[in-house]
């Protein structure tokens, strides 16, 4: 999942919004810029929260699959352990009989 990067906001941009007589943005422009900044931040927050939710769901699915694999491994290990002593006993008995 790619994360979009917000563009940097430069403070000394000469091609910025129109400024008043003293070179300072007027109140309406400042408010509009602030509102747009807030909207952008809220949008970015929503995207990050959605990404977090998706990642958490993926983690839960992966943990569930891992638990299933661990249970299967344990069951197979029990089967192997149950079968091996029988094979070992047969080989030991066969080896002892051959030596006698």
N, C-alpha and C. Protein backbone atom coordinates (compact mmCIF):
# COMPACT_ATOMS: atom_id res chain seq x y z
N UNK A 1 0.85 -1.16 0.00
CA UNK A 1 0.00 0.00 0.00
C UNK A 1 0.90 1.23 0.00
N UNK A 2 0.69 2.10 -0.95
CA UNK A 2 1.50 3.32 -1.05
C UNK A 2 0.87 4.41 -0.19
N UNK A 3 1.69 5.24 0.38
CA UNK A 3 1.22 6.37 1.19
C UNK A 3 1.50 7.65 0.42
N UNK A 4 0.47 8.43 0.24
CA UNK A 4 0.65 9.68 -0.48
C UNK A 4 1.31 10.70 0.44
N UNK A 5 2.23 11.46 -0.12
CA UNK A 5 2.94 12.48 0.65
C UNK A 5 2.36 13.84 0.30
N UNK A 6 2.07 14.59 1.34
CA UNK A 6 1.53 15.93 1.13
C UNK A 6 2.67 16.84 0.67
N UNK A 7 2.38 17.77 -0.23
CA UNK A 7 3.44 18.69 -0.67
C UNK A 7 3.85 19.60 0.48
N UNK A 8 5.12 20.00 0.46
CA UNK A 8 5.60 20.89 1.51
C UNK A 8 5.02 22.28 1.32
N UNK A 9 4.83 22.94 2.42
CA UNK A 9 4.30 24.31 2.38
C UNK A 9 5.47 25.24 2.63
N UNK A 10 5.79 26.02 1.64
CA UNK A 10 6.90 26.96 1.82
C UNK A 10 6.36 28.27 2.36
N UNK A 11 7.10 28.86 3.28
CA UNK A 11 6.64 30.08 3.92
C UNK A 11 6.98 31.32 3.11
N UNK A 12 8.02 31.26 2.30
CA UNK A 12 8.46 32.44 1.59
C UNK A 12 8.16 32.38 0.10
N UNK A 13 7.04 31.80 -0.27
CA UNK A 13 6.70 31.64 -1.69
C UNK A 13 6.21 32.98 -2.26
N UNK A 14 6.96 33.51 -3.22
CA UNK A 14 6.58 34.81 -3.80
C UNK A 14 5.40 34.67 -4.76
N UNK A 15 5.15 33.44 -5.23
CA UNK A 15 4.02 33.23 -6.14
C UNK A 15 2.80 32.78 -5.37
N UNK A 16 2.74 33.09 -4.08
CA UNK A 16 1.64 32.67 -3.22
C UNK A 16 0.38 33.47 -3.47
N UNK A 17 -0.52 33.44 -2.52
CA UNK A 17 -1.80 34.14 -2.67
C UNK A 17 -1.59 35.65 -2.70
N UNK A 18 -2.57 36.37 -3.23
CA UNK A 18 -2.45 37.83 -3.28
C UNK A 18 -2.32 38.40 -1.88
N UNK A 19 -1.54 39.43 -1.76
CA UNK A 19 -1.29 40.03 -0.46
C UNK A 19 -1.80 41.46 -0.45
N UNK A 20 -2.04 41.93 0.74
CA UNK A 20 -2.51 43.29 0.90
C UNK A 20 -1.38 44.29 0.67
N UNK A 21 -1.64 45.52 1.00
CA UNK A 21 -0.68 46.60 0.75
C UNK A 21 0.62 46.39 1.51
N UNK A 22 0.56 45.78 2.67
CA UNK A 22 1.77 45.59 3.48
C UNK A 22 2.46 44.27 3.14
N UNK A 23 1.99 43.56 2.11
CA UNK A 23 2.59 42.29 1.74
C UNK A 23 2.10 41.14 2.59
N UNK A 24 1.04 41.34 3.35
CA UNK A 24 0.48 40.31 4.21
C UNK A 24 -0.84 39.86 3.61
N UNK A 25 -1.10 38.56 3.56
CA UNK A 25 -2.38 38.10 3.01
C UNK A 25 -3.53 38.68 3.82
N UNK A 26 -4.61 39.01 3.11
CA UNK A 26 -5.73 39.59 3.84
C UNK A 26 -6.44 38.50 4.65
N UNK A 27 -7.32 38.89 5.54
CA UNK A 27 -7.97 37.96 6.46
C UNK A 27 -8.76 36.87 5.78
N UNK A 28 -9.47 37.19 4.71
CA UNK A 28 -10.28 36.19 4.00
C UNK A 28 -9.38 35.13 3.38
N UNK A 29 -8.25 35.57 2.80
CA UNK A 29 -7.32 34.62 2.19
C UNK A 29 -6.70 33.71 3.26
N UNK A 30 -6.34 34.29 4.40
CA UNK A 30 -5.76 33.48 5.47
C UNK A 30 -6.76 32.44 5.97
N UNK A 31 -8.00 32.87 6.11
CA UNK A 31 -9.03 31.94 6.59
C UNK A 31 -9.28 30.83 5.57
N UNK A 32 -9.32 31.20 4.29
CA UNK A 32 -9.54 30.20 3.24
C UNK A 32 -8.36 29.22 3.20
N UNK A 33 -7.14 29.73 3.32
CA UNK A 33 -5.97 28.86 3.33
C UNK A 33 -5.98 27.93 4.53
N UNK A 34 -6.36 28.48 5.68
CA UNK A 34 -6.42 27.67 6.90
C UNK A 34 -7.48 26.57 6.76
N UNK A 35 -8.64 26.93 6.23
CA UNK A 35 -9.71 25.94 6.04
C UNK A 35 -9.27 24.85 5.08
N UNK A 36 -8.60 25.24 3.99
CA UNK A 36 -8.12 24.24 3.02
C UNK A 36 -7.08 23.33 3.67
N UNK A 37 -6.21 23.92 4.47
CA UNK A 37 -5.21 23.13 5.17
C UNK A 37 -5.88 22.13 6.12
N UNK A 38 -6.88 22.57 6.83
CA UNK A 38 -7.61 21.68 7.75
C UNK A 38 -8.31 20.56 6.99
N UNK A 39 -8.94 20.89 5.86
CA UNK A 39 -9.61 19.87 5.04
C UNK A 39 -8.59 18.85 4.56
N UNK A 40 -7.43 19.33 4.09
CA UNK A 40 -6.39 18.42 3.62
C UNK A 40 -5.89 17.51 4.75
N UNK A 41 -5.73 18.09 5.92
CA UNK A 41 -5.27 17.30 7.06
C UNK A 41 -6.31 16.25 7.46
N UNK A 42 -7.57 16.62 7.45
CA UNK A 42 -8.63 15.66 7.79
C UNK A 42 -8.72 14.55 6.74
N UNK A 43 -8.57 14.90 5.47
CA UNK A 43 -8.57 13.89 4.41
C UNK A 43 -7.41 12.92 4.60
N UNK A 44 -6.25 13.46 4.89
CA UNK A 44 -5.07 12.63 5.10
C UNK A 44 -5.25 11.72 6.31
N UNK A 45 -5.86 12.27 7.38
CA UNK A 45 -6.14 11.47 8.57
C UNK A 45 -7.07 10.31 8.23
N UNK A 46 -8.12 10.60 7.44
CA UNK A 46 -9.06 9.56 7.05
C UNK A 46 -8.38 8.47 6.24
N UNK A 47 -7.49 8.86 5.33
CA UNK A 47 -6.74 7.88 4.53
C UNK A 47 -5.86 7.02 5.41
N UNK A 48 -5.20 7.65 6.38
CA UNK A 48 -4.33 6.90 7.28
C UNK A 48 -5.13 5.95 8.17
N UNK A 49 -6.29 6.39 8.64
CA UNK A 49 -7.14 5.53 9.46
C UNK A 49 -7.64 4.33 8.66
N UNK A 50 -8.01 4.56 7.41
CA UNK A 50 -8.46 3.47 6.55
C UNK A 50 -7.32 2.48 6.31
N UNK A 51 -6.14 3.01 6.06
CA UNK A 51 -4.97 2.16 5.87
C UNK A 51 -4.69 1.35 7.14
N UNK A 52 -4.82 1.97 8.29
CA UNK A 52 -4.62 1.28 9.56
C UNK A 52 -5.64 0.16 9.73
N UNK A 53 -6.90 0.43 9.42
CA UNK A 53 -7.94 -0.60 9.52
C UNK A 53 -7.62 -1.78 8.61
N UNK A 54 -7.24 -1.50 7.37
CA UNK A 54 -6.91 -2.57 6.43
C UNK A 54 -5.72 -3.38 6.93
N UNK A 55 -4.73 -2.71 7.47
CA UNK A 55 -3.55 -3.40 7.97
C UNK A 55 -3.90 -4.25 9.19
N UNK A 56 -4.77 -3.75 10.06
CA UNK A 56 -5.19 -4.53 11.21
C UNK A 56 -5.97 -5.77 10.77
N UNK A 57 -6.84 -5.63 9.77
CA UNK A 57 -7.59 -6.77 9.26
C UNK A 57 -6.64 -7.81 8.67
N UNK A 58 -5.64 -7.35 7.92
CA UNK A 58 -4.67 -8.26 7.33
C UNK A 58 -3.89 -8.98 8.43
N UNK A 59 -3.53 -8.25 9.48
CA UNK A 59 -2.81 -8.85 10.61
C UNK A 59 -3.65 -9.93 11.27
N UNK A 60 -4.93 -9.65 11.49
CA UNK A 60 -5.81 -10.63 12.12
C UNK A 60 -5.93 -11.88 11.25
N UNK A 61 -6.07 -11.69 9.94
CA UNK A 61 -6.15 -12.83 9.03
C UNK A 61 -4.86 -13.65 9.07
N UNK A 62 -3.73 -12.96 9.09
CA UNK A 62 -2.44 -13.66 9.13
C UNK A 62 -2.27 -14.42 10.43
N UNK A 63 -2.69 -13.81 11.54
CA UNK A 63 -2.59 -14.49 12.83
C UNK A 63 -3.49 -15.73 12.87
N UNK A 64 -4.66 -15.63 12.27
CA UNK A 64 -5.58 -16.77 12.21
C UNK A 64 -4.96 -17.90 11.39
N UNK A 65 -4.38 -17.56 10.24
CA UNK A 65 -3.72 -18.57 9.41
C UNK A 65 -2.55 -19.20 10.15
N UNK A 66 -1.79 -18.39 10.88
CA UNK A 66 -0.66 -18.91 11.65
C UNK A 66 -1.14 -19.89 12.71
N UNK A 67 -2.20 -19.53 13.42
CA UNK A 67 -2.74 -20.43 14.45
C UNK A 67 -3.17 -21.76 13.84
N UNK A 68 -3.82 -21.69 12.68
CA UNK A 68 -4.23 -22.91 11.98
C UNK A 68 -3.04 -23.76 11.59
N UNK A 69 -2.00 -23.12 11.09
CA UNK A 69 -0.79 -23.84 10.69
C UNK A 69 -0.10 -24.46 11.91
N UNK A 70 -0.09 -23.74 13.03
CA UNK A 70 0.53 -24.29 14.24
C UNK A 70 -0.24 -25.50 14.75
N UNK A 71 -1.57 -25.44 14.71
CA UNK A 71 -2.37 -26.60 15.14
C UNK A 71 -2.13 -27.78 14.21
N UNK A 72 -2.05 -27.52 12.92
CA UNK A 72 -1.79 -28.61 11.97
C UNK A 72 -0.41 -29.21 12.21
N UNK A 73 0.58 -28.34 12.45
CA UNK A 73 1.94 -28.82 12.74
C UNK A 73 1.95 -29.71 13.97
N UNK A 74 1.25 -29.27 15.02
CA UNK A 74 1.21 -30.05 16.26
C UNK A 74 0.54 -31.40 16.04
N UNK A 75 -0.54 -31.41 15.27
CA UNK A 75 -1.24 -32.67 14.99
C UNK A 75 -0.33 -33.61 14.20
N UNK A 76 0.37 -33.08 13.21
CA UNK A 76 1.28 -33.91 12.43
C UNK A 76 2.44 -34.42 13.29
N UNK A 77 2.93 -33.57 14.19
CA UNK A 77 4.03 -33.98 15.07
C UNK A 77 3.58 -35.11 15.99
N UNK A 78 2.33 -35.02 16.48
CA UNK A 78 1.81 -36.10 17.32
C UNK A 78 1.70 -37.40 16.54
N UNK A 79 1.27 -37.30 15.28
CA UNK A 79 1.18 -38.49 14.44
C UNK A 79 2.56 -39.10 14.21
N UNK A 80 3.54 -38.25 13.96
CA UNK A 80 4.91 -38.75 13.74
C UNK A 80 5.43 -39.40 15.01
N UNK A 81 5.23 -38.74 16.14
CA UNK A 81 5.70 -39.29 17.40
C UNK A 81 5.02 -40.61 17.73
N UNK A 82 3.76 -40.73 17.38
CA UNK A 82 3.04 -41.97 17.64
C UNK A 82 3.54 -43.09 16.72
N UNK A 83 3.92 -42.75 15.50
CA UNK A 83 4.37 -43.76 14.54
C UNK A 83 5.83 -44.13 14.74
N UNK A 84 6.67 -43.22 15.11
CA UNK A 84 8.11 -43.48 15.22
C UNK A 84 8.46 -44.51 16.29
N UNK A 85 7.90 -44.45 17.49
CA UNK A 85 8.29 -45.48 18.47
C UNK A 85 7.98 -46.89 17.98
N UNK A 86 6.90 -47.08 17.24
CA UNK A 86 6.57 -48.39 16.71
C UNK A 86 7.63 -48.84 15.71
N UNK A 87 8.04 -47.93 14.84
CA UNK A 87 9.05 -48.26 13.85
C UNK A 87 10.37 -48.55 14.55
N UNK A 88 10.71 -47.73 15.54
CA UNK A 88 11.96 -47.91 16.26
C UNK A 88 11.97 -49.24 17.00
N UNK A 89 10.85 -49.62 17.63
CA UNK A 89 10.77 -50.89 18.36
C UNK A 89 10.97 -52.06 17.41
N UNK A 90 10.37 -51.97 16.22
CA UNK A 90 10.50 -53.06 15.25
C UNK A 90 11.94 -53.19 14.79
N UNK A 91 12.58 -52.06 14.54
CA UNK A 91 13.98 -52.09 14.11
C UNK A 91 14.89 -52.60 15.22
N UNK A 92 14.61 -52.20 16.47
CA UNK A 92 15.43 -52.67 17.58
C UNK A 92 15.26 -54.17 17.78
N UNK A 93 14.03 -54.64 17.72
CA UNK A 93 13.77 -56.07 17.89
C UNK A 93 14.43 -56.85 16.77
N UNK A 94 14.36 -56.34 15.56
CA UNK A 94 14.96 -57.01 14.41
C UNK A 94 16.47 -57.04 14.58
N UNK A 95 17.04 -55.93 15.03
CA UNK A 95 18.50 -55.85 15.23
C UNK A 95 18.96 -56.77 16.35
N UNK A 96 18.20 -56.89 17.44
CA UNK A 96 18.55 -57.74 18.54
C UNK A 96 18.46 -59.21 18.09
N UNK A 97 17.43 -59.56 17.34
CA UNK A 97 17.25 -60.94 16.87
C UNK A 97 18.38 -61.33 15.93
N UNK A 98 18.85 -60.40 15.12
CA UNK A 98 19.93 -60.71 14.18
C UNK A 98 21.24 -60.94 14.91
N UNK A 99 21.44 -60.27 16.04
CA UNK A 99 22.67 -60.39 16.79
C UNK A 99 22.72 -61.71 17.56
N UNK A 100 21.57 -62.24 17.90
CA UNK A 100 21.53 -63.45 18.73
C UNK A 100 21.85 -64.66 17.96
